[in-house]
Each structure stands twice: as C-alpha cells, then as structure tokens.
Amino acid sequence: MRSTSALALMMASLAFGALTACGDDKATGGDTDAGTTDGGGTGGEATGKCPASAYICENFDNGQNGWKTPDEEHNATITIDGTRTRSGSGALHVVTEPGHDETTGTEADPQAIAHLRKDIPTFGTALYARAYVYLNRASPKDVMGTYFILFSPKETEFGGIELQQMNSGGFALDDWSGIKGTGWNLQEDLTVTMAPNRWACIEWAVKRTKATDTTGRAQVYVDGALAYDFPNVGIRPFTNFAVGYGFVHPHGDSASETWIDDVAVAPERIGCE
C-alpha cells in the first residue's frame, strides 16, 4: 500500500532541505499534548481558526507559497487557481487522468496522484491537520483516494502514514511505517461518511501517549463529527506533511477533480469554522 509519491516527496525533501512553515518560529514539537479528549470533544478550544501554535496556515491565496512538489509525475496535475474556492481567491486543484489501471500490468507507473508538501517540526505526541475538500466524485470502487501524508525521510526512521478515502464514503489508514504490528486499517463503521460535490471539513488527528512511543492512534472527523478511530498506528519522527489527492492503486476509472482549501496543521485540534 506504500505510496511511491511519498518516496518522491522524500527525495524532494532531501534535495530542498528544511522549509519555513507558518508558525514554525512558535512550534517546537517535543512533548506538547493535544489538549483534547480521545473522543475528540471540542472542549471550547477548537474554533476552526488557525491557532497561534500552528505550523501551517494556508488559504492558497498567495500561490505556491513555499509548498514543494514531488520530483516525479504521477499522471495528475496539481495547481493553485481560482476555479473553485471555499474562501479567498485560490485553492489547491488536483486533476487525475483517466484510463490508468494497475491491474493490467501494462504501465510502469499506473498511479494517478499528486500532492504538495512542507516540512514541519518533528512529531511529538499529537498533530492535527484540517482541510476543506471538494470532490467531484467518489473514488472508484475498491480504490483509495489519498488526502494527507505524514512521513519521515530519515534513513534510519523512514516510513509514513496516509489518510485515504473509500468509495463508500468511509476512510482507510495506510500505514507503511514499518513498525511491527501495524498496517493498513479500513473503517467499517459508516455512521459518519464523506460525500462528494460539496465542501466538507476533514480533520485528521495523529496521537501517541509519550514522545518515545512507536505506536499511537489516528482519528478522522467529517464536519466536526468523529468518523473513525484507527488503533495501532506506527509513529516515526515525522517531519513532512503532504496534502493533495489521487490514487496509488487506480483501477481504470482513474479520472477525478478535487479542490482543497483552508489547510491548517497544528499540535492542537483546530476544528471547523
């Protein structure tokens, strides 16, 4: 399940070095806790506004603004434009090409996926990502669409995790951290789901009890409601965050168009506006 897009991200990270992200001068990672309950209650602190502790606050109104693209192309385009925005003048716009099918075995690289990336402080005990997403369609049947990637490019700690969208509107957690006892995890309870053709607020929380723990948990919320809680997630010293969309394992029907706006990444829960 490991995304070769993430491998490209790793190479780009090594090539370009550390990037400055919004709020980096205020953030240290370390042992800072999330300040929210395991159930994801707002507790009054998750307002939807980008907090002072944030590593990234991005509305894409200033173009690429320090975001980097992978060195490899994966049958998709990723731009910042005004074709559809939730706020302001810009949004991230991902278009994946039709007709790519890994099951045929005829393509060397059948992926249809693209992300932008930024470096972040080393993962401590909690990280929260929030984005507003507009999908023009659900992912193809039996195919996962990847939104976010957290990974560590360190040679001795290489690995990552990805939040994925399923055709059913549920989610999956792709875990290629290499930590024993971890792996791909599929949401089976579909009480809270993601629907296409509208702006939806997606939150992704990644947590561990202590900064030395090698496993933790990941939660996903849709419009503020907890959709799923993934256990036994492998944790590395993640220092890179990627946002975009597309299919690592497309099955023929690989065409899609996605817009993403108002992205925030912080060591505390951000919430939806």
C-alpha atoms as a PDB file:
ATOM      1  CA  MET A   1       0.000   0.000   0.000  1.00  0.00           C
ATOM      2  CA  ARG A   2       3.050   2.290   0.280  1.00  0.00           C
ATOM      3  CA  SER A   3       2.795   5.387  -1.927  1.00  0.00           C
ATOM      4  CA  THR A   4       5.693   5.956  -4.292  1.00  0.00           C
ATOM      5  CA  SER A   5       4.575   9.585  -4.255  1.00  0.00           C
ATOM      6  CA  ALA A   6       5.888   9.636  -0.712  1.00  0.00           C
ATOM      7  CA  LEU A   7       9.223   8.325  -1.957  1.00  0.00           C
ATOM      8  CA  ALA A   8       9.316  11.249  -4.365  1.00  0.00           C
ATOM      9  CA  LEU A   9       8.413  13.564  -1.502  1.00  0.00           C
ATOM     10  CA  MET A  10      11.292  12.147   0.495  1.00  0.00           C
ATOM     11  CA  MET A  11      13.774  12.821  -2.308  1.00  0.00           C
ATOM     12  CA  ALA A  12      12.435  16.345  -2.754  1.00  0.00           C
ATOM     13  CA  SER A  13      12.748  16.952   0.967  1.00  0.00           C
ATOM     14  CA  LEU A  14      16.364  15.839   0.986  1.00  0.00           C
ATOM     15  CA  ALA A  15      17.092  17.949  -2.092  1.00  0.00           C
ATOM     16  CA  PHE A  16      15.475  21.181  -0.948  1.00  0.00           C
ATOM     17  CA  GLY A  17      16.179  20.944   2.784  1.00  0.00           C
ATOM     18  CA  ALA A  18      14.010  22.336   5.542  1.00  0.00           C
ATOM     19  CA  LEU A  19      11.237  24.763   4.615  1.00  0.00           C
ATOM     20  CA  THR A  20       9.765  27.506   6.726  1.00  0.00           C
ATOM     21  CA  ALA A  21       6.097  26.902   7.540  1.00  0.00           C
ATOM     22  CA  CYS A  22       3.622  29.320   9.061  1.00  0.00           C
ATOM     23  CA  GLY A  23       4.145  29.325  12.815  1.00  0.00           C
ATOM     24  CA  ASP A  24       7.454  27.405  12.783  1.00  0.00           C
ATOM     25  CA  ASP A  25       9.072  30.026  14.995  1.00  0.00           C
ATOM     26  CA  LYS A  26       6.478  29.246  17.666  1.00  0.00           C
ATOM     27  CA  ALA A  27       6.465  25.472  17.397  1.00  0.00           C
ATOM     28  CA  THR A  28       8.903  23.056  18.948  1.00  0.00           C
ATOM     29  CA  GLY A  29       7.161  19.664  18.655  1.00  0.00           C
ATOM     30  CA  GLY A  30       8.501  17.681  21.606  1.00  0.00           C
ATOM     31  CA  ASP A  31       6.113  16.523  24.290  1.00  0.00           C
ATOM     32  CA  THR A  32       3.333  19.042  23.708  1.00  0.00           C
ATOM     33  CA  ASP A  33      -0.032  17.320  24.125  1.00  0.00           C
ATOM     34  CA  ALA A  34      -3.089  17.966  22.002  1.00  0.00           C
ATOM     35  CA  GLY A  35      -5.305  19.396  24.742  1.00  0.00           C
ATOM     36  CA  THR A  36      -8.391  17.489  23.603  1.00  0.00           C
ATOM     37  CA  THR A  37     -10.047  14.315  24.747  1.00  0.00           C
ATOM     38  CA  ASP A  38      -9.574  10.991  22.967  1.00  0.00           C
ATOM     39  CA  GLY A  39     -13.160  11.232  21.776  1.00  0.00           C
ATOM     40  CA  GLY A  40     -12.346  14.483  20.015  1.00  0.00           C
ATOM     41  CA  GLY A  41     -14.632  16.784  22.006  1.00  0.00           C
ATOM     42  CA  THR A  42     -14.210  20.438  21.223  1.00  0.00           C
ATOM     43  CA  GLY A  43     -13.793  21.486  24.837  1.00  0.00           C
ATOM     44  CA  GLY A  44     -14.111  25.105  23.673  1.00  0.00           C
ATOM     45  CA  GLU A  45     -10.591  25.213  22.219  1.00  0.00           C
ATOM     46  CA  ALA A  46     -11.254  24.024  18.658  1.00  0.00           C
ATOM     47  CA  THR A  47     -12.670  27.130  16.971  1.00  0.00           C
ATOM     48  CA  GLY A  48     -11.825  26.414  13.343  1.00  0.00           C
ATOM     49  CA  LYS A  49      -9.431  29.372  13.250  1.00  0.00           C
ATOM     50  CA  CYS A  50      -5.736  28.673  12.725  1.00  0.00           C
ATOM     51  CA  PRO A  51      -4.194  28.724  16.237  1.00  0.00           C
ATOM     52  CA  ALA A  52      -1.048  30.595  17.239  1.00  0.00           C
ATOM     53  CA  SER A  53       0.721  27.245  17.633  1.00  0.00           C
ATOM     54  CA  ALA A  54       0.085  26.241  14.001  1.00  0.00           C
ATOM     55  CA  TYR A  55       2.893  25.002  11.765  1.00  0.00           C
ATOM     56  CA  ILE A  56       0.882  25.657   8.599  1.00  0.00           C
ATOM     57  CA  CYS A  57      -1.965  28.108   7.922  1.00  0.00           C
ATOM     58  CA  GLU A  58      -2.717  28.094   4.213  1.00  0.00           C
ATOM     59  CA  ASN A  59      -5.605  29.516   2.182  1.00  0.00           C
ATOM     60  CA  PHE A  60      -3.655  29.318  -1.119  1.00  0.00           C
ATOM     61  CA  ASP A  61      -4.308  32.978  -1.927  1.00  0.00           C
ATOM     62  CA  ASN A  62      -0.553  33.592  -2.320  1.00  0.00           C
ATOM     63  CA  GLY A  63       0.243  30.940  -4.892  1.00  0.00           C
ATOM     64  CA  GLN A  64       2.588  28.082  -4.040  1.00  0.00           C
ATOM     65  CA  ASN A  65       3.861  30.000  -1.001  1.00  0.00           C
ATOM     66  CA  GLY A  66       6.756  27.678  -0.141  1.00  0.00           C
ATOM     67  CA  TRP A  67       4.969  24.398  -0.906  1.00  0.00           C
ATOM     68  CA  LYS A  68       7.073  21.946  -2.906  1.00  0.00           C
ATOM     69  CA  THR A  69       6.014  19.374  -5.477  1.00  0.00           C
ATOM     70  CA  PRO A  70       7.487  15.878  -5.807  1.00  0.00           C
ATOM     71  CA  ASP A  71      10.207  15.262  -8.393  1.00  0.00           C
ATOM     72  CA  GLU A  72       8.134  12.564 -10.101  1.00  0.00           C
ATOM     73  CA  GLU A  73       4.944  12.956 -12.121  1.00  0.00           C
ATOM     74  CA  HIS A  74       2.111  10.526 -11.431  1.00  0.00           C
ATOM     75  CA  ASN A  75      -0.474  11.032 -14.194  1.00  0.00           C
ATOM     76  CA  ALA A  76      -2.007  14.027 -12.419  1.00  0.00           C
ATOM     77  CA  THR A  77      -1.708  17.806 -12.293  1.00  0.00           C
ATOM     78  CA  ILE A  78      -1.663  19.905  -9.137  1.00  0.00           C
ATOM     79  CA  THR A  79      -2.085  23.679  -9.365  1.00  0.00           C
ATOM     80  CA  ILE A  80      -3.269  26.601  -7.273  1.00  0.00           C
ATOM     81  CA  ASP A  81      -6.014  28.545  -9.013  1.00  0.00           C
ATOM     82  CA  GLY A  82      -9.425  30.175  -8.594  1.00  0.00           C
ATOM     83  CA  THR A  83     -11.603  27.661 -10.446  1.00  0.00           C
ATOM     84  CA  ARG A  84     -13.354  26.714  -7.198  1.00  0.00           C
ATOM     85  CA  THR A  85     -12.535  28.208  -3.802  1.00  0.00           C
ATOM     86  CA  ARG A  86     -14.063  27.942  -0.372  1.00  0.00           C
ATOM     87  CA  SER A  87     -12.630  31.301   0.678  1.00  0.00           C
ATOM     88  CA  GLY A  88     -10.437  33.918  -0.904  1.00  0.00           C
ATOM     89  CA  SER A  89      -9.020  33.813  -4.412  1.00  0.00           C
ATOM     90  CA  GLY A  90      -7.168  30.487  -4.522  1.00  0.00           C
ATOM     91  CA  ALA A  91      -7.440  26.788  -3.750  1.00  0.00           C
ATOM     92  CA  LEU A  92      -5.417  23.665  -4.411  1.00  0.00           C
ATOM     93  CA  HIS A  93      -6.713  21.997  -7.580  1.00  0.00           C
ATOM     94  CA  VAL A  94      -5.851  18.351  -8.385  1.00  0.00           C
ATOM     95  CA  VAL A  95      -6.849  16.630 -11.640  1.00  0.00           C
ATOM     96  CA  THR A  96      -6.083  12.936 -12.120  1.00  0.00           C
ATOM     97  CA  GLU A  97      -6.001  11.443 -15.608  1.00  0.00           C
ATOM     98  CA  PRO A  98      -8.447   8.780 -16.810  1.00  0.00           C
ATOM     99  CA  GLY A  99      -7.539   5.311 -18.016  1.00  0.00           C
ATOM    100  CA  HIS A 100      -4.839   4.216 -15.577  1.00  0.00           C
ATOM    101  CA  ASP A 101      -5.278   0.667 -14.274  1.00  0.00           C
ATOM    102  CA  GLU A 102      -2.610  -1.135 -12.281  1.00  0.00           C
ATOM    103  CA  THR A 103      -4.421  -4.469 -12.707  1.00  0.00           C
ATOM    104  CA  THR A 104      -3.492  -4.604 -16.416  1.00  0.00           C
ATOM    105  CA  GLY A 105       0.240  -4.673 -15.703  1.00  0.00           C
ATOM    106  CA  THR A 106       0.897  -2.630 -18.852  1.00  0.00           C
ATOM    107  CA  GLU A 107       2.102   0.589 -17.171  1.00  0.00           C
ATOM    108  CA  ALA A 108       5.379   1.071 -15.356  1.00  0.00           C
ATOM    109  CA  ASP A 109       3.755   3.711 -13.118  1.00  0.00           C
ATOM    110  CA  PRO A 110      -0.048   3.464 -13.186  1.00  0.00           C
ATOM    111  CA  GLN A 111      -0.573   5.828 -10.231  1.00  0.00           C
ATOM    112  CA  ALA A 112      -2.753   8.918 -10.669  1.00  0.00           C
ATOM    113  CA  ILE A 113      -1.914  11.128  -7.698  1.00  0.00           C
ATOM    114  CA  ALA A 114      -0.365  14.492  -6.773  1.00  0.00           C
ATOM    115  CA  HIS A 115       0.433  16.294  -3.518  1.00  0.00           C
ATOM    116  CA  LEU A 116       2.168  19.436  -2.306  1.00  0.00           C
ATOM    117  CA  ARG A 117       4.408  19.168   0.736  1.00  0.00           C
ATOM    118  CA  LYS A 118       6.006  21.203   3.507  1.00  0.00           C
ATOM    119  CA  ASP A 119       8.412  20.351   6.283  1.00  0.00           C
ATOM    120  CA  ILE A 120       7.103  20.556   9.848  1.00  0.00           C
ATOM    121  CA  PRO A 121       8.710  20.239  13.291  1.00  0.00           C
ATOM    122  CA  THR A 122       9.439  16.683  14.396  1.00  0.00           C
ATOM    123  CA  PHE A 123       6.299  14.876  15.559  1.00  0.00           C
ATOM    124  CA  GLY A 124       5.928  14.833  19.337  1.00  0.00           C
ATOM    125  CA  THR A 125       2.720  13.451  20.852  1.00  0.00           C
ATOM    126  CA  ALA A 126      -0.020  14.971  18.686  1.00  0.00           C
ATOM    127  CA  LEU A 127      -0.597  16.511  15.293  1.00  0.00           C
ATOM    128  CA  TYR A 128      -3.857  17.789  13.810  1.00  0.00           C
ATOM    129  CA  ALA A 129      -4.492  18.536  10.142  1.00  0.00           C
ATOM    130  CA  ARG A 130      -7.627  20.303   8.911  1.00  0.00           C
ATOM    131  CA  ALA A 131      -8.670  20.945   5.320  1.00  0.00           C
ATOM    132  CA  TYR A 132     -11.822  21.748   3.385  1.00  0.00           C
ATOM    133  CA  VAL A 133     -12.211  19.353   0.471  1.00  0.00           C
ATOM    134  CA  TYR A 134     -14.479  19.343  -2.588  1.00  0.00           C
ATOM    135  CA  LEU A 135     -14.540  16.087  -4.579  1.00  0.00           C
ATOM    136  CA  ASN A 136     -16.271  15.982  -7.953  1.00  0.00           C
ATOM    137  CA  ARG A 137     -16.912  12.232  -7.459  1.00  0.00           C
ATOM    138  CA  ALA A 138     -16.389   9.389  -5.041  1.00  0.00           C
ATOM    139  CA  SER A 139     -13.268   7.291  -5.543  1.00  0.00           C
ATOM    140  CA  PRO A 140     -13.673   4.292  -7.874  1.00  0.00           C
ATOM    141  CA  LYS A 141     -14.886   1.039  -6.329  1.00  0.00           C
ATOM    142  CA  ASP A 142     -12.160  -0.769  -4.365  1.00  0.00           C
ATOM    143  CA  VAL A 143      -9.795   2.191  -4.841  1.00  0.00           C
ATOM    144  CA  MET A 144      -8.447   4.504  -2.118  1.00  0.00           C
ATOM    145  CA  GLY A 145      -8.037   8.250  -2.664  1.00  0.00           C
ATOM    146  CA  THR A 146      -5.206   9.707  -0.557  1.00  0.00           C
ATOM    147  CA  TYR A 147      -5.630  13.145   1.097  1.00  0.00           C
ATOM    148  CA  PHE A 148      -2.819  13.593   3.617  1.00  0.00           C
ATOM    149  CA  ILE A 149       0.612  12.011   4.100  1.00  0.00           C
ATOM    150  CA  LEU A 150       2.879  12.235   7.139  1.00  0.00           C
ATOM    151  CA  PHE A 151       6.327  10.763   6.707  1.00  0.00           C
ATOM    152  CA  SER A 152       9.884  10.690   7.971  1.00  0.00           C
ATOM    153  CA  PRO A 153      12.661  10.995   5.366  1.00  0.00           C
ATOM    154  CA  LYS A 154      15.373   9.993   7.869  1.00  0.00           C
ATOM    155  CA  GLU A 155      17.221   6.958   6.548  1.00  0.00           C
ATOM    156  CA  THR A 156      17.109   5.227   9.932  1.00  0.00           C
ATOM    157  CA  GLU A 157      13.476   6.166  10.594  1.00  0.00           C
ATOM    158  CA  PHE A 158      11.981   6.105   7.092  1.00  0.00           C
ATOM    159  CA  GLY A 159       8.230   5.476   6.923  1.00  0.00           C
ATOM    160  CA  GLY A 160       4.870   7.160   6.844  1.00  0.00           C
ATOM    161  CA  ILE A 161       1.104   7.065   7.180  1.00  0.00           C
ATOM    162  CA  GLU A 162      -1.661   8.265   4.846  1.00  0.00           C
ATOM    163  CA  LEU A 163      -5.325   9.185   5.281  1.00  0.00           C
ATOM    164  CA  GLN A 164      -7.383   7.668   2.466  1.00  0.00           C
ATOM    165  CA  GLN A 165     -10.970   7.994   1.221  1.00  0.00           C
ATOM    166  CA  MET A 166     -13.014   4.958   0.186  1.00  0.00           C
ATOM    167  CA  ASN A 167     -15.788   4.694  -2.415  1.00  0.00           C
ATOM    168  CA  SER A 168     -18.282   4.083   0.425  1.00  0.00           C
ATOM    169  CA  GLY A 169     -17.555   7.481   1.973  1.00  0.00           C
ATOM    170  CA  GLY A 170     -15.581   5.851   4.762  1.00  0.00           C
ATOM    171  CA  PHE A 171     -11.843   6.065   5.354  1.00  0.00           C
ATOM    172  CA  ALA A 172      -8.701   3.960   5.463  1.00  0.00           C
ATOM    173  CA  LEU A 173      -5.355   4.486   7.165  1.00  0.00           C
ATOM    174  CA  ASP A 174      -2.407   3.332   5.056  1.00  0.00           C
ATOM    175  CA  ASP A 175       0.486   2.607   7.407  1.00  0.00           C
ATOM    176  CA  TRP A 176       3.894   1.947   5.832  1.00  0.00           C
ATOM    177  CA  SER A 177       5.820   2.972   8.948  1.00  0.00           C
ATOM    178  CA  GLY A 178       7.375  -0.488   9.206  1.00  0.00           C
ATOM    179  CA  ILE A 179       6.524  -0.686  12.901  1.00  0.00           C
ATOM    180  CA  LYS A 180       5.766  -4.259  13.993  1.00  0.00           C
ATOM    181  CA  GLY A 181       2.049  -4.961  14.440  1.00  0.00           C
ATOM    182  CA  THR A 182       0.871  -2.074  12.252  1.00  0.00           C
ATOM    183  CA  GLY A 183      -0.517  -1.942   8.711  1.00  0.00           C
ATOM    184  CA  TRP A 184      -3.439  -0.919   6.516  1.00  0.00           C
ATOM    185  CA  ASN A 185      -6.623  -0.235   8.504  1.00  0.00           C
ATOM    186  CA  LEU A 186     -10.099   0.101   6.970  1.00  0.00           C
ATOM    187  CA  GLN A 187     -13.075   1.909   8.504  1.00  0.00           C
ATOM    188  CA  GLU A 188     -16.017  -0.479   8.807  1.00  0.00           C
ATOM    189  CA  ASP A 189     -18.477   1.633  10.822  1.00  0.00           C
ATOM    190  CA  LEU A 190     -20.021   4.013   8.272  1.00  0.00           C
ATOM    191  CA  THR A 191     -22.070   6.170  10.635  1.00  0.00           C
ATOM    192  CA  VAL A 192     -20.162   9.305   9.571  1.00  0.00           C
ATOM    193  CA  THR A 193     -19.074   9.489   5.925  1.00  0.00           C
ATOM    194  CA  MET A 194     -17.687  11.880   3.330  1.00  0.00           C
ATOM    195  CA  ALA A 195     -19.882  12.801   0.328  1.00  0.00           C
ATOM    196  CA  PRO A 196     -18.718  14.380  -2.966  1.00  0.00           C
ATOM    197  CA  ASN A 197     -19.948  17.552  -4.711  1.00  0.00           C
ATOM    198  CA  ARG A 198     -19.836  19.788  -1.664  1.00  0.00           C
ATOM    199  CA  TRP A 199     -17.252  21.448   0.564  1.00  0.00           C
ATOM    200  CA  ALA A 200     -16.562  19.229   3.578  1.00  0.00           C
ATOM    201  CA  CYS A 201     -14.317  19.834   6.568  1.00  0.00           C
ATOM    202  CA  ILE A 202     -11.931  16.929   7.141  1.00  0.00           C
ATOM    203  CA  GLU A 203      -9.773  16.682  10.253  1.00  0.00           C
ATOM    204  CA  TRP A 204      -7.019  14.138  10.829  1.00  0.00           C
ATOM    205  CA  ALA A 205      -5.601  13.663  14.326  1.00  0.00           C
ATOM    206  CA  VAL A 206      -2.480  11.566  14.982  1.00  0.00           C
ATOM    207  CA  LYS A 207      -1.580  10.918  18.633  1.00  0.00           C
ATOM    208  CA  ARG A 208       0.661   8.919  20.947  1.00  0.00           C
ATOM    209  CA  THR A 209       0.832   8.936  24.739  1.00  0.00           C
ATOM    210  CA  LYS A 210       4.576   9.612  25.057  1.00  0.00           C
ATOM    211  CA  ALA A 211       7.068  11.074  22.611  1.00  0.00           C
ATOM    212  CA  THR A 212       9.055   7.826  22.792  1.00  0.00           C
ATOM    213  CA  ASP A 213       6.130   5.544  21.847  1.00  0.00           C
ATOM    214  CA  THR A 214       6.415   3.813  18.461  1.00  0.00           C
ATOM    215  CA  THR A 215       2.650   3.326  18.076  1.00  0.00           C
ATOM    216  CA  GLY A 216      -0.362   5.537  18.579  1.00  0.00           C
ATOM    217  CA  ARG A 217      -3.757   6.207  17.056  1.00  0.00           C
ATOM    218  CA  ALA A 218      -5.277   8.285  14.268  1.00  0.00           C
ATOM    219  CA  GLN A 219      -8.748   9.800  14.196  1.00  0.00           C
ATOM    220  CA  VAL A 220     -10.692  11.294  11.315  1.00  0.00           C
ATOM    221  CA  TYR A 221     -13.572  13.767  11.573  1.00  0.00           C
ATOM    222  CA  VAL A 222     -16.029  14.987   8.947  1.00  0.00           C
ATOM    223  CA  ASP A 223     -17.657  18.377   9.606  1.00  0.00           C
ATOM    224  CA  GLY A 224     -16.692  18.052  13.278  1.00  0.00           C
ATOM    225  CA  ALA A 225     -18.121  14.550  13.823  1.00  0.00           C
ATOM    226  CA  LEU A 226     -15.798  11.661  14.654  1.00  0.00           C
ATOM    227  CA  ALA A 227     -15.897   9.245  11.722  1.00  0.00           C
ATOM    228  CA  TYR A 228     -13.358   6.671  12.885  1.00  0.00           C
ATOM    229  CA  ASP A 229     -10.561   5.970  15.358  1.00  0.00           C
ATOM    230  CA  PHE A 230      -7.709   3.900  13.910  1.00  0.00           C
ATOM    231  CA  PRO A 231      -5.698   1.929  16.531  1.00  0.00           C
ATOM    232  CA  ASN A 232      -2.125   0.590  16.347  1.00  0.00           C
ATOM    233  CA  VAL A 233      -0.722   3.294  14.073  1.00  0.00           C
ATOM    234  CA  GLY A 234       3.042   3.264  13.555  1.00  0.00           C
ATOM    235  CA  ILE A 235       4.738   6.506  14.606  1.00  0.00           C
ATOM    236  CA  ARG A 236       8.049   7.747  13.251  1.00  0.00           C
ATOM    237  CA  PRO A 237       9.707  11.150  13.796  1.00  0.00           C
ATOM    238  CA  PHE A 238       7.521  12.601  11.053  1.00  0.00           C
ATOM    239  CA  THR A 239       8.914  15.865   9.668  1.00  0.00           C
ATOM    240  CA  ASN A 240       6.974  16.260   6.434  1.00  0.00           C
ATOM    241  CA  PHE A 241       3.294  16.915   5.679  1.00  0.00           C
ATOM    242  CA  ALA A 242       1.688  16.496   2.259  1.00  0.00           C
ATOM    243  CA  VAL A 243      -1.795  17.466   1.052  1.00  0.00           C
ATOM    244  CA  GLY A 244      -3.445  16.648  -2.271  1.00  0.00           C
ATOM    245  CA  TYR A 245      -5.460  13.813  -3.763  1.00  0.00           C
ATOM    246  CA  GLY A 246      -5.281  10.830  -6.076  1.00  0.00           C
ATOM    247  CA  PHE A 247      -4.943   7.063  -6.351  1.00  0.00           C
ATOM    248  CA  VAL A 248      -1.895   4.956  -5.555  1.00  0.00           C
ATOM    249  CA  HIS A 249      -3.681   1.863  -6.905  1.00  0.00           C
ATOM    250  CA  PRO A 250      -6.077   3.034  -9.675  1.00  0.00           C
ATOM    251  CA  HIS A 251      -8.385   0.593 -11.418  1.00  0.00           C
ATOM    252  CA  GLY A 252      -9.156   2.008 -14.855  1.00  0.00           C
ATOM    253  CA  ASP A 253     -11.667   4.656 -13.777  1.00  0.00           C
ATOM    254  CA  SER A 254      -8.955   6.984 -12.506  1.00  0.00           C
ATOM    255  CA  ALA A 255     -10.321  10.382 -13.560  1.00  0.00           C
ATOM    256  CA  SER A 256     -11.100  12.847 -10.764  1.00  0.00           C
ATOM    257  CA  GLU A 257     -11.080  16.551  -9.935  1.00  0.00           C
ATOM    258  CA  THR A 258     -10.570  17.800  -6.399  1.00  0.00           C
ATOM    259  CA  TRP A 259     -10.241  21.189  -4.712  1.00  0.00           C
ATOM    260  CA  ILE A 260      -8.688  21.739  -1.267  1.00  0.00           C
ATOM    261  CA  ASP A 261      -8.724  24.998   0.691  1.00  0.00           C
ATOM    262  CA  ASP A 262      -8.047  26.472   4.148  1.00  0.00           C
ATOM    263  CA  VAL A 263      -5.444  23.932   5.287  1.00  0.00           C
ATOM    264  CA  ALA A 264      -4.111  24.103   8.840  1.00  0.00           C
ATOM    265  CA  VAL A 265      -1.633  21.878  10.702  1.00  0.00           C
ATOM    266  CA  ALA A 266      -1.008  22.298  14.415  1.00  0.00           C
ATOM    267  CA  PRO A 267      -0.128  20.397  17.612  1.00  0.00           C
ATOM    268  CA  GLU A 268      -3.644  21.095  18.910  1.00  0.00           C
ATOM    269  CA  ARG A 269      -7.072  20.456  17.440  1.00  0.00           C
ATOM    270  CA  ILE A 270      -8.170  23.176  15.018  1.00  0.00           C
ATOM    271  CA  GLY A 271     -11.794  22.261  14.326  1.00  0.00           C
ATOM    272  CA  CYS A 272     -14.125  23.513  11.592  1.00  0.00           C
ATOM    273  CA  GLU A 273     -15.239  27.096  11.133  1.00  0.00           C
END
